[in-house]
Amino acid sequence: MRAVFLDRDGTFIIDKDYLVRKEDIEFIPGAIDALKLLKENGFGLVICTNQSAIARGMMTEEEYLKIQVYLLDILKKNGIEIDGCYYCPHLKEGSVEKYAIVCECRKPKSGMFERARDELGINMRESYAIGDSLRDMIAVSRLGAKTVLVRTGKGAKAEQVELVERFVDKICDDILEAAKWIIADCRHRYKK
């Protein structure tokens, strides 16, 4: 399967710093259309998100999962099936001992992406990632997927960093522009 890996906060929903209430979910303008467009063009959609609010004691893992179910339900009602959801609850400096660890899943490490690749049978060379932070790009780029940095969320600050040239294939204003670029790039790559 070819897929698009999606960061959540700042990429397709508005970054609220720490989203701890489902009622605070707000989609970035054009996000629903972007996700539909990617699905219609044969891409699997996989959410990979750092959720340090769990390690910080701002919400429990169970509360996070309720927010995720609510989000997936909204997307489903809009005709969008998400193929996989992966999250990292860890933060070395966290206040909840169980989650205050150094892990292999917290971006920019590649644990979430490798797990998704293996569990879902994703071909990384045919896949893409969209995120608003360099940490969203680094691991996926190293695993062979193409990356798109969006200027929503923290993305405008990230594009000033010199690592962008190394780990980012394209910079777009938002997820809808990113989706259109991915579809065009994919068609160009596999044109016979």
N, C-alpha and C. Protein backbone atom coordinates (compact mmCIF):
# COMPACT_ATOMS: atom_id res chain seq x y z
N MET A 1 0.85 -1.19 0.00
CA MET A 1 0.00 0.00 0.00
C MET A 1 0.89 1.24 0.00
N ARG A 2 0.45 2.24 -0.74
CA ARG A 2 1.10 3.55 -0.64
C ARG A 2 0.26 4.40 0.31
N ALA A 3 0.92 5.20 1.10
CA ALA A 3 0.20 5.93 2.15
C ALA A 3 0.71 7.35 2.28
N VAL A 4 -0.11 8.16 2.95
CA VAL A 4 0.32 9.49 3.38
C VAL A 4 0.28 9.47 4.91
N PHE A 5 1.44 9.69 5.51
CA PHE A 5 1.54 9.81 6.96
C PHE A 5 1.17 11.23 7.34
N LEU A 6 0.30 11.37 8.31
CA LEU A 6 -0.20 12.69 8.71
C LEU A 6 0.14 12.99 10.15
N ASP A 7 0.80 14.11 10.38
CA ASP A 7 0.85 14.64 11.73
C ASP A 7 -0.57 15.16 11.99
N ARG A 8 -0.95 15.30 13.25
CA ARG A 8 -2.32 15.73 13.55
C ARG A 8 -2.40 17.24 13.81
N ASP A 9 -1.87 17.66 14.95
CA ASP A 9 -2.01 19.05 15.39
C ASP A 9 -1.15 20.00 14.55
N GLY A 10 -1.80 20.99 13.96
CA GLY A 10 -1.09 21.94 13.11
C GLY A 10 -1.00 21.51 11.67
N THR A 11 -1.41 20.27 11.39
CA THR A 11 -1.36 19.75 10.03
C THR A 11 -2.76 19.64 9.44
N PHE A 12 -3.65 18.91 10.13
CA PHE A 12 -5.04 18.88 9.62
C PHE A 12 -6.05 19.36 10.65
N ILE A 13 -5.65 19.44 11.92
CA ILE A 13 -6.50 20.15 12.88
C ILE A 13 -5.68 21.29 13.48
N ILE A 14 -6.38 22.33 13.92
CA ILE A 14 -5.71 23.51 14.46
C ILE A 14 -4.98 23.13 15.74
N ASP A 15 -3.72 23.55 15.82
CA ASP A 15 -2.88 23.27 16.99
C ASP A 15 -3.33 24.12 18.16
N LYS A 16 -3.79 23.45 19.21
CA LYS A 16 -4.25 24.14 20.43
C LYS A 16 -3.21 24.01 21.53
N ASP A 17 -1.96 23.81 21.18
CA ASP A 17 -0.86 23.48 22.09
C ASP A 17 -1.08 22.08 22.64
N TYR A 18 -2.01 21.89 23.54
CA TYR A 18 -2.31 20.55 24.03
C TYR A 18 -3.82 20.35 23.94
N LEU A 19 -4.22 19.54 22.98
CA LEU A 19 -5.64 19.27 22.80
C LEU A 19 -6.05 18.20 23.81
N VAL A 20 -6.80 18.61 24.82
CA VAL A 20 -7.19 17.66 25.87
C VAL A 20 -8.70 17.50 25.98
N ARG A 21 -9.44 18.20 25.11
CA ARG A 21 -10.91 18.08 25.09
C ARG A 21 -11.36 17.90 23.65
N LYS A 22 -12.18 16.90 23.42
CA LYS A 22 -12.65 16.62 22.06
C LYS A 22 -13.42 17.80 21.48
N GLU A 23 -14.07 18.59 22.34
CA GLU A 23 -14.84 19.74 21.87
C GLU A 23 -13.97 20.82 21.25
N ASP A 24 -12.66 20.74 21.49
CA ASP A 24 -11.74 21.75 20.96
C ASP A 24 -11.18 21.40 19.58
N ILE A 25 -11.60 20.27 19.02
CA ILE A 25 -11.13 19.89 17.68
C ILE A 25 -11.70 20.87 16.66
N GLU A 26 -10.80 21.45 15.89
CA GLU A 26 -11.17 22.35 14.79
C GLU A 26 -10.31 22.00 13.59
N PHE A 27 -10.93 21.75 12.47
CA PHE A 27 -10.16 21.39 11.28
C PHE A 27 -9.57 22.63 10.62
N ILE A 28 -8.37 22.49 10.12
CA ILE A 28 -7.75 23.54 9.32
C ILE A 28 -8.57 23.65 8.03
N PRO A 29 -8.87 24.87 7.58
CA PRO A 29 -9.65 25.02 6.35
C PRO A 29 -9.05 24.21 5.19
N GLY A 30 -9.89 23.45 4.52
CA GLY A 30 -9.46 22.63 3.39
C GLY A 30 -8.98 21.23 3.77
N ALA A 31 -8.87 20.95 5.08
CA ALA A 31 -8.32 19.65 5.51
C ALA A 31 -9.21 18.48 5.10
N ILE A 32 -10.51 18.61 5.29
CA ILE A 32 -11.42 17.52 4.92
C ILE A 32 -11.33 17.24 3.42
N ASP A 33 -11.33 18.31 2.62
CA ASP A 33 -11.21 18.14 1.16
C ASP A 33 -9.88 17.48 0.80
N ALA A 34 -8.82 17.86 1.50
CA ALA A 34 -7.49 17.30 1.23
C ALA A 34 -7.46 15.80 1.51
N LEU A 35 -8.00 15.40 2.65
CA LEU A 35 -8.00 13.98 3.01
C LEU A 35 -8.86 13.17 2.04
N LYS A 36 -10.00 13.71 1.64
CA LYS A 36 -10.85 13.04 0.65
C LYS A 36 -10.10 12.86 -0.68
N LEU A 37 -9.43 13.91 -1.10
CA LEU A 37 -8.68 13.88 -2.35
C LEU A 37 -7.60 12.80 -2.33
N LEU A 38 -6.89 12.70 -1.21
CA LEU A 38 -5.85 11.68 -1.10
C LEU A 38 -6.45 10.28 -1.16
N LYS A 39 -7.56 10.06 -0.45
CA LYS A 39 -8.22 8.76 -0.47
C LYS A 39 -8.72 8.41 -1.87
N GLU A 40 -9.34 9.39 -2.54
CA GLU A 40 -9.85 9.17 -3.89
C GLU A 40 -8.75 8.82 -4.87
N ASN A 41 -7.53 9.22 -4.57
CA ASN A 41 -6.39 8.93 -5.44
C ASN A 41 -5.58 7.73 -4.97
N GLY A 42 -6.18 6.91 -4.13
CA GLY A 42 -5.59 5.63 -3.79
C GLY A 42 -4.58 5.60 -2.66
N PHE A 43 -4.53 6.63 -1.85
CA PHE A 43 -3.58 6.64 -0.74
C PHE A 43 -4.25 6.16 0.55
N GLY A 44 -3.52 5.36 1.30
CA GLY A 44 -3.92 5.07 2.67
C GLY A 44 -3.58 6.29 3.51
N LEU A 45 -4.31 6.51 4.58
CA LEU A 45 -4.05 7.64 5.47
C LEU A 45 -3.69 7.11 6.85
N VAL A 46 -2.53 7.55 7.35
CA VAL A 46 -2.02 7.06 8.62
C VAL A 46 -1.63 8.26 9.49
N ILE A 47 -2.26 8.37 10.65
CA ILE A 47 -1.95 9.45 11.58
C ILE A 47 -0.82 8.98 12.50
N CYS A 48 0.23 9.79 12.62
CA CYS A 48 1.33 9.54 13.55
C CYS A 48 1.55 10.83 14.33
N THR A 49 1.28 10.79 15.64
CA THR A 49 1.28 12.02 16.43
C THR A 49 1.95 11.85 17.79
N ASN A 50 2.80 12.81 18.14
CA ASN A 50 3.35 12.87 19.49
C ASN A 50 2.26 13.46 20.40
N GLN A 51 2.03 12.83 21.52
CA GLN A 51 1.01 13.31 22.47
C GLN A 51 1.60 13.38 23.87
N SER A 52 2.52 14.31 24.06
CA SER A 52 3.21 14.42 25.35
C SER A 52 2.31 14.92 26.48
N ALA A 53 1.11 15.40 26.16
CA ALA A 53 0.17 15.80 27.23
C ALA A 53 -0.11 14.63 28.16
N ILE A 54 0.01 13.41 27.65
CA ILE A 54 -0.19 12.22 28.49
C ILE A 54 0.94 12.13 29.52
N ALA A 55 2.18 12.22 29.05
CA ALA A 55 3.34 12.16 29.96
C ALA A 55 3.38 13.36 30.90
N ARG A 56 2.84 14.48 30.47
CA ARG A 56 2.82 15.68 31.30
C ARG A 56 1.70 15.66 32.36
N GLY A 57 0.84 14.63 32.30
CA GLY A 57 -0.24 14.52 33.27
C GLY A 57 -1.43 15.42 32.97
N MET A 58 -1.51 15.94 31.75
CA MET A 58 -2.61 16.82 31.37
C MET A 58 -3.85 16.04 30.95
N MET A 59 -3.65 14.77 30.58
CA MET A 59 -4.75 13.87 30.27
C MET A 59 -4.23 12.45 30.38
N THR A 60 -5.14 11.51 30.53
CA THR A 60 -4.74 10.10 30.59
C THR A 60 -4.71 9.53 29.17
N GLU A 61 -4.12 8.37 29.05
CA GLU A 61 -4.10 7.69 27.76
C GLU A 61 -5.53 7.35 27.33
N GLU A 62 -6.36 6.98 28.27
CA GLU A 62 -7.76 6.66 27.97
C GLU A 62 -8.49 7.89 27.44
N GLU A 63 -8.22 9.05 28.03
CA GLU A 63 -8.85 10.29 27.56
C GLU A 63 -8.37 10.63 26.15
N TYR A 64 -7.08 10.41 25.89
CA TYR A 64 -6.58 10.63 24.54
C TYR A 64 -7.30 9.72 23.54
N LEU A 65 -7.46 8.46 23.89
CA LEU A 65 -8.11 7.50 22.98
C LEU A 65 -9.56 7.88 22.70
N LYS A 66 -10.23 8.45 23.68
CA LYS A 66 -11.61 8.93 23.45
C LYS A 66 -11.62 10.07 22.45
N ILE A 67 -10.64 10.97 22.55
CA ILE A 67 -10.52 12.07 21.58
C ILE A 67 -10.26 11.50 20.18
N GLN A 68 -9.39 10.49 20.12
CA GLN A 68 -9.07 9.87 18.82
C GLN A 68 -10.31 9.23 18.20
N VAL A 69 -11.08 8.50 18.99
CA VAL A 69 -12.31 7.87 18.48
C VAL A 69 -13.27 8.94 17.97
N TYR A 70 -13.41 10.02 18.71
CA TYR A 70 -14.29 11.13 18.32
C TYR A 70 -13.82 11.74 17.00
N LEU A 71 -12.51 11.96 16.87
CA LEU A 71 -11.94 12.52 15.64
C LEU A 71 -12.17 11.57 14.45
N LEU A 72 -11.92 10.30 14.65
CA LEU A 72 -12.11 9.33 13.57
C LEU A 72 -13.58 9.25 13.16
N ASP A 73 -14.47 9.41 14.12
CA ASP A 73 -15.89 9.40 13.83
C ASP A 73 -16.29 10.61 12.97
N ILE A 74 -15.76 11.77 13.28
CA ILE A 74 -16.02 12.97 12.47
C ILE A 74 -15.52 12.73 11.04
N LEU A 75 -14.32 12.20 10.92
CA LEU A 75 -13.75 11.95 9.59
C LEU A 75 -14.61 10.94 8.83
N LYS A 76 -15.02 9.88 9.52
CA LYS A 76 -15.86 8.85 8.87
C LYS A 76 -17.17 9.45 8.37
N LYS A 77 -17.77 10.32 9.17
CA LYS A 77 -19.02 10.98 8.77
C LYS A 77 -18.81 11.86 7.54
N ASN A 78 -17.56 12.25 7.30
CA ASN A 78 -17.21 13.04 6.12
C ASN A 78 -16.69 12.16 4.99
N GLY A 79 -16.85 10.84 5.13
CA GLY A 79 -16.45 9.92 4.08
C GLY A 79 -14.98 9.59 4.04
N ILE A 80 -14.27 9.79 5.15
CA ILE A 80 -12.83 9.55 5.19
C ILE A 80 -12.50 8.45 6.18
N GLU A 81 -11.96 7.34 5.66
CA GLU A 81 -11.51 6.23 6.52
C GLU A 81 -10.01 6.40 6.76
N ILE A 82 -9.62 6.38 8.01
CA ILE A 82 -8.20 6.43 8.36
C ILE A 82 -7.73 4.98 8.50
N ASP A 83 -6.60 4.67 7.85
CA ASP A 83 -6.11 3.29 7.82
C ASP A 83 -5.35 2.89 9.07
N GLY A 84 -4.79 3.87 9.76
CA GLY A 84 -4.05 3.56 10.98
C GLY A 84 -3.81 4.81 11.80
N CYS A 85 -3.80 4.64 13.12
CA CYS A 85 -3.50 5.75 14.04
C CYS A 85 -2.43 5.28 15.01
N TYR A 86 -1.37 6.06 15.10
CA TYR A 86 -0.27 5.76 15.99
C TYR A 86 0.05 7.01 16.79
N TYR A 87 0.33 6.83 18.07
CA TYR A 87 0.64 7.99 18.90
C TYR A 87 1.74 7.63 19.89
N CYS A 88 2.49 8.63 20.28
CA CYS A 88 3.52 8.46 21.29
C CYS A 88 3.11 9.24 22.53
N PRO A 89 2.91 8.57 23.68
CA PRO A 89 2.52 9.24 24.91
C PRO A 89 3.72 9.66 25.76
N HIS A 90 4.93 9.43 25.27
CA HIS A 90 6.13 9.58 26.10
C HIS A 90 6.76 10.97 26.04
N LEU A 91 7.48 11.29 27.09
CA LEU A 91 8.31 12.50 27.16
C LEU A 91 9.27 12.29 28.32
N LYS A 92 10.55 12.31 28.02
CA LYS A 92 11.57 12.04 29.05
C LYS A 92 11.36 12.91 30.29
N GLU A 93 10.99 14.17 30.09
CA GLU A 93 10.81 15.12 31.20
C GLU A 93 9.40 15.08 31.78
N GLY A 94 8.60 14.12 31.38
CA GLY A 94 7.21 14.05 31.83
C GLY A 94 7.06 13.88 33.33
N SER A 95 5.88 14.20 33.83
CA SER A 95 5.61 14.09 35.27
C SER A 95 4.93 12.77 35.64
N VAL A 96 4.45 12.03 34.65
CA VAL A 96 3.84 10.72 34.90
C VAL A 96 4.91 9.66 34.65
N GLU A 97 5.34 9.02 35.74
CA GLU A 97 6.50 8.13 35.70
C GLU A 97 6.43 7.09 34.59
N LYS A 98 5.27 6.49 34.41
CA LYS A 98 5.09 5.44 33.40
C LYS A 98 5.48 5.91 31.99
N TYR A 99 5.27 7.18 31.72
CA TYR A 99 5.51 7.72 30.37
C TYR A 99 6.77 8.59 30.29
N ALA A 100 7.42 8.83 31.42
CA ALA A 100 8.60 9.70 31.45
C ALA A 100 9.84 8.88 31.09
N ILE A 101 9.91 8.48 29.83
CA ILE A 101 11.00 7.63 29.37
C ILE A 101 11.51 8.13 28.01
N VAL A 102 12.69 7.67 27.67
CA VAL A 102 13.21 7.85 26.32
C VAL A 102 12.71 6.64 25.54
N CYS A 103 12.02 6.89 24.44
CA CYS A 103 11.41 5.79 23.68
C CYS A 103 11.90 5.82 22.24
N GLU A 104 11.45 4.87 21.48
CA GLU A 104 11.78 4.83 20.05
C GLU A 104 10.64 5.34 19.18
N CYS A 105 9.51 5.73 19.82
CA CYS A 105 8.36 6.14 19.01
C CYS A 105 8.19 7.66 18.92
N ARG A 106 8.77 8.42 19.83
CA ARG A 106 8.58 9.88 19.80
C ARG A 106 9.32 10.47 18.60
N LYS A 107 8.57 11.15 17.75
CA LYS A 107 9.21 11.81 16.60
C LYS A 107 10.21 12.84 17.13
N PRO A 108 11.38 12.95 16.57
CA PRO A 108 11.81 12.52 15.23
C PRO A 108 12.31 11.08 15.11
N LYS A 109 12.18 10.26 16.15
CA LYS A 109 12.55 8.84 16.00
C LYS A 109 11.50 8.15 15.13
N SER A 110 11.84 6.98 14.64
CA SER A 110 11.04 6.37 13.59
C SER A 110 10.10 5.26 14.03
N GLY A 111 9.99 5.00 15.33
CA GLY A 111 9.22 3.86 15.81
C GLY A 111 7.79 3.78 15.33
N MET A 112 7.06 4.91 15.38
CA MET A 112 5.65 4.89 14.93
C MET A 112 5.55 4.56 13.45
N PHE A 113 6.45 5.14 12.66
CA PHE A 113 6.41 4.94 11.21
C PHE A 113 6.79 3.51 10.83
N GLU A 114 7.78 2.97 11.53
CA GLU A 114 8.18 1.59 11.25
C GLU A 114 7.06 0.62 11.62
N ARG A 115 6.41 0.88 12.74
CA ARG A 115 5.30 0.02 13.16
C ARG A 115 4.16 0.07 12.14
N ALA A 116 3.82 1.29 11.70
CA ALA A 116 2.76 1.45 10.69
C ALA A 116 3.15 0.75 9.40
N ARG A 117 4.39 0.94 8.98
CA ARG A 117 4.88 0.29 7.75
C ARG A 117 4.71 -1.22 7.83
N ASP A 118 5.14 -1.79 8.96
CA ASP A 118 5.12 -3.24 9.10
C ASP A 118 3.69 -3.78 9.28
N GLU A 119 2.88 -3.11 10.08
CA GLU A 119 1.52 -3.59 10.34
C GLU A 119 0.58 -3.41 9.16
N LEU A 120 0.79 -2.34 8.39
CA LEU A 120 -0.13 -2.03 7.30
C LEU A 120 0.42 -2.40 5.92
N GLY A 121 1.66 -2.87 5.87
CA GLY A 121 2.27 -3.24 4.59
C GLY A 121 2.49 -2.05 3.68
N ILE A 122 3.05 -0.99 4.22
CA ILE A 122 3.24 0.25 3.47
C ILE A 122 4.56 0.22 2.71
N ASN A 123 4.50 0.59 1.44
CA ASN A 123 5.70 0.76 0.63
C ASN A 123 6.18 2.19 0.85
N MET A 124 7.26 2.35 1.59
CA MET A 124 7.74 3.69 1.95
C MET A 124 8.19 4.50 0.73
N ARG A 125 8.74 3.84 -0.27
CA ARG A 125 9.24 4.56 -1.46
C ARG A 125 8.10 5.17 -2.28
N GLU A 126 6.88 4.65 -2.10
CA GLU A 126 5.72 5.19 -2.82
C GLU A 126 4.86 6.07 -1.92
N SER A 127 5.37 6.35 -0.71
CA SER A 127 4.56 7.06 0.27
C SER A 127 5.09 8.47 0.54
N TYR A 128 4.26 9.22 1.26
CA TYR A 128 4.54 10.62 1.57
C TYR A 128 4.19 10.89 3.03
N ALA A 129 4.67 12.03 3.52
CA ALA A 129 4.29 12.47 4.86
C ALA A 129 4.00 13.96 4.80
N ILE A 130 2.99 14.39 5.57
CA ILE A 130 2.66 15.81 5.69
C ILE A 130 2.72 16.17 7.17
N GLY A 131 3.45 17.24 7.47
CA GLY A 131 3.55 17.69 8.85
C GLY A 131 3.92 19.16 8.93
N ASP A 132 3.80 19.71 10.13
CA ASP A 132 4.10 21.14 10.33
C ASP A 132 5.39 21.35 11.11
N SER A 133 6.18 20.29 11.23
CA SER A 133 7.41 20.38 12.03
C SER A 133 8.48 19.51 11.39
N LEU A 134 9.71 19.91 11.55
CA LEU A 134 10.81 19.09 11.03
C LEU A 134 10.83 17.72 11.67
N ARG A 135 10.45 17.64 12.93
CA ARG A 135 10.48 16.32 13.58
C ARG A 135 9.50 15.35 12.91
N ASP A 136 8.47 15.89 12.24
CA ASP A 136 7.54 15.05 11.49
C ASP A 136 8.19 14.49 10.23
N MET A 137 9.22 15.18 9.73
CA MET A 137 9.81 14.85 8.44
C MET A 137 11.02 13.93 8.53
N ILE A 138 11.83 14.12 9.56
CA ILE A 138 13.15 13.47 9.63
C ILE A 138 13.06 11.95 9.52
N ALA A 139 12.28 11.32 10.39
CA ALA A 139 12.22 9.85 10.39
C ALA A 139 11.64 9.31 9.09
N VAL A 140 10.59 9.94 8.60
CA VAL A 140 9.94 9.45 7.38
C VAL A 140 10.87 9.59 6.18
N SER A 141 11.58 10.69 6.13
CA SER A 141 12.54 10.90 5.04
C SER A 141 13.62 9.83 5.07
N ARG A 142 14.13 9.53 6.25
CA ARG A 142 15.17 8.50 6.38
C ARG A 142 14.65 7.11 5.99
N LEU A 143 13.34 6.90 6.13
CA LEU A 143 12.74 5.61 5.76
C LEU A 143 12.37 5.53 4.27
N GLY A 144 12.59 6.64 3.54
CA GLY A 144 12.42 6.59 2.10
C GLY A 144 11.20 7.27 1.53
N ALA A 145 10.32 7.80 2.38
CA ALA A 145 9.12 8.49 1.86
C ALA A 145 9.46 9.95 1.53
N LYS A 146 8.65 10.55 0.68
CA LYS A 146 8.79 11.98 0.39
C LYS A 146 8.03 12.77 1.44
N THR A 147 8.48 13.99 1.70
CA THR A 147 7.90 14.77 2.79
C THR A 147 7.44 16.15 2.34
N VAL A 148 6.35 16.60 2.97
CA VAL A 148 5.79 17.91 2.69
C VAL A 148 5.61 18.65 4.02
N LEU A 149 6.24 19.79 4.14
CA LEU A 149 6.10 20.65 5.31
C LEU A 149 5.01 21.68 5.01
N VAL A 150 4.01 21.76 5.90
CA VAL A 150 2.97 22.76 5.73
C VAL A 150 3.23 23.94 6.65
N ARG A 151 2.84 25.14 6.20
CA ARG A 151 3.10 26.36 6.96
C ARG A 151 2.08 26.60 8.07
N THR A 152 1.06 25.76 8.16
CA THR A 152 0.10 25.87 9.25
C THR A 152 0.78 25.36 10.52
N GLY A 153 0.20 25.60 11.67
CA GLY A 153 0.83 25.14 12.91
C GLY A 153 2.18 25.78 13.11
N LYS A 154 3.18 24.95 13.35
CA LYS A 154 4.54 25.44 13.59
C LYS A 154 5.38 25.50 12.31
N GLY A 155 4.78 25.16 11.19
CA GLY A 155 5.52 25.02 9.94
C GLY A 155 6.22 26.27 9.45
N ALA A 156 5.64 27.43 9.65
CA ALA A 156 6.27 28.67 9.17
C ALA A 156 7.61 28.89 9.86
N LYS A 157 7.70 28.51 11.14
CA LYS A 157 8.98 28.65 11.86
C LYS A 157 9.98 27.60 11.39
N ALA A 158 9.50 26.40 11.12
CA ALA A 158 10.38 25.29 10.76
C ALA A 158 11.08 25.52 9.43
N GLU A 159 10.44 26.23 8.51
CA GLU A 159 11.06 26.36 7.19
C GLU A 159 12.29 27.25 7.21
N GLN A 160 12.54 27.92 8.32
CA GLN A 160 13.74 28.76 8.43
C GLN A 160 14.98 27.94 8.79
N VAL A 161 14.79 26.72 9.21
CA VAL A 161 15.89 25.89 9.68
C VAL A 161 16.60 25.23 8.50
N GLU A 162 17.92 25.17 8.57
CA GLU A 162 18.70 24.63 7.45
C GLU A 162 18.44 23.14 7.19
N LEU A 163 17.96 22.39 8.17
CA LEU A 163 17.67 20.97 7.97
C LEU A 163 16.53 20.75 6.98
N VAL A 164 15.75 21.79 6.72
CA VAL A 164 14.64 21.67 5.77
C VAL A 164 15.15 21.15 4.43
N GLU A 165 16.26 21.70 3.97
CA GLU A 165 16.81 21.28 2.67
C GLU A 165 17.13 19.79 2.64
N ARG A 166 17.50 19.25 3.79
CA ARG A 166 17.89 17.86 3.87
C ARG A 166 16.71 16.90 3.97
N PHE A 167 15.65 17.31 4.66
CA PHE A 167 14.58 16.37 4.98
C PHE A 167 13.21 16.71 4.38
N VAL A 168 13.08 17.84 3.70
CA VAL A 168 11.77 18.25 3.18
C VAL A 168 11.83 18.32 1.65
N ASP A 169 10.89 17.63 1.01
CA ASP A 169 10.83 17.65 -0.45
C ASP A 169 10.03 18.83 -0.99
N LYS A 170 9.04 19.29 -0.21
CA LYS A 170 8.17 20.36 -0.69
C LYS A 170 7.61 21.12 0.51
N ILE A 171 7.46 22.44 0.36
CA ILE A 171 6.81 23.26 1.38
C ILE A 171 5.54 23.81 0.76
N CYS A 172 4.43 23.65 1.48
CA CYS A 172 3.12 24.12 1.00
C CYS A 172 2.46 24.98 2.08
N ASP A 173 1.53 25.82 1.65
CA ASP A 173 0.83 26.68 2.61
C ASP A 173 -0.05 25.89 3.57
N ASP A 174 -0.68 24.82 3.07
CA ASP A 174 -1.59 24.06 3.92
C ASP A 174 -1.75 22.64 3.37
N ILE A 175 -2.55 21.84 4.04
CA ILE A 175 -2.70 20.44 3.69
C ILE A 175 -3.39 20.25 2.33
N LEU A 176 -4.27 21.14 1.95
CA LEU A 176 -4.93 20.99 0.65
C LEU A 176 -3.93 21.19 -0.48
N GLU A 177 -3.09 22.20 -0.35
CA GLU A 177 -2.04 22.40 -1.36
C GLU A 177 -1.09 21.20 -1.37
N ALA A 178 -0.79 20.68 -0.18
CA ALA A 178 0.10 19.52 -0.07
C ALA A 178 -0.50 18.30 -0.76
N ALA A 179 -1.78 18.06 -0.55
CA ALA A 179 -2.46 16.91 -1.17
C ALA A 179 -2.41 17.02 -2.69
N LYS A 180 -2.67 18.21 -3.21
CA LYS A 180 -2.64 18.41 -4.67
C LYS A 180 -1.22 18.18 -5.20
N TRP A 181 -0.21 18.63 -4.47
CA TRP A 181 1.17 18.43 -4.90
C TRP A 181 1.52 16.94 -4.90
N ILE A 182 1.13 16.23 -3.84
CA ILE A 182 1.42 14.80 -3.74
C ILE A 182 0.81 14.05 -4.92
N ILE A 183 -0.42 14.34 -5.24
CA ILE A 183 -1.10 13.66 -6.36
C ILE A 183 -0.38 13.95 -7.67
N ALA A 184 -0.02 15.21 -7.89
CA ALA A 184 0.71 15.58 -9.11
C ALA A 184 2.08 14.92 -9.15
N ASP A 185 2.78 14.92 -8.03
CA ASP A 185 4.11 14.32 -7.96
C ASP A 185 4.05 12.83 -8.21
N CYS A 186 3.05 12.19 -7.65
CA CYS A 186 2.89 10.75 -7.83
C CYS A 186 2.61 10.41 -9.29
N ARG A 187 1.76 11.19 -9.91
CA ARG A 187 1.46 10.96 -11.34
C ARG A 187 2.72 11.14 -12.18
N HIS A 188 3.50 12.14 -11.85
CA HIS A 188 4.74 12.43 -12.58
C HIS A 188 5.76 11.29 -12.38
N ARG A 189 5.87 10.79 -11.15
CA ARG A 189 6.82 9.74 -10.82
C ARG A 189 6.52 8.45 -11.56
N TYR A 190 5.23 8.14 -11.71
CA TYR A 190 4.85 6.84 -12.25
C TYR A 190 4.26 6.89 -13.65
N LYS A 191 4.49 8.05 -14.31
CA LYS A 191 4.04 8.16 -15.69
C LYS A 191 4.84 7.19 -16.56
N LYS A 192 4.15 6.49 -17.43
CA LYS A 192 4.86 5.50 -18.29
C LYS A 192 5.29 6.13 -19.58
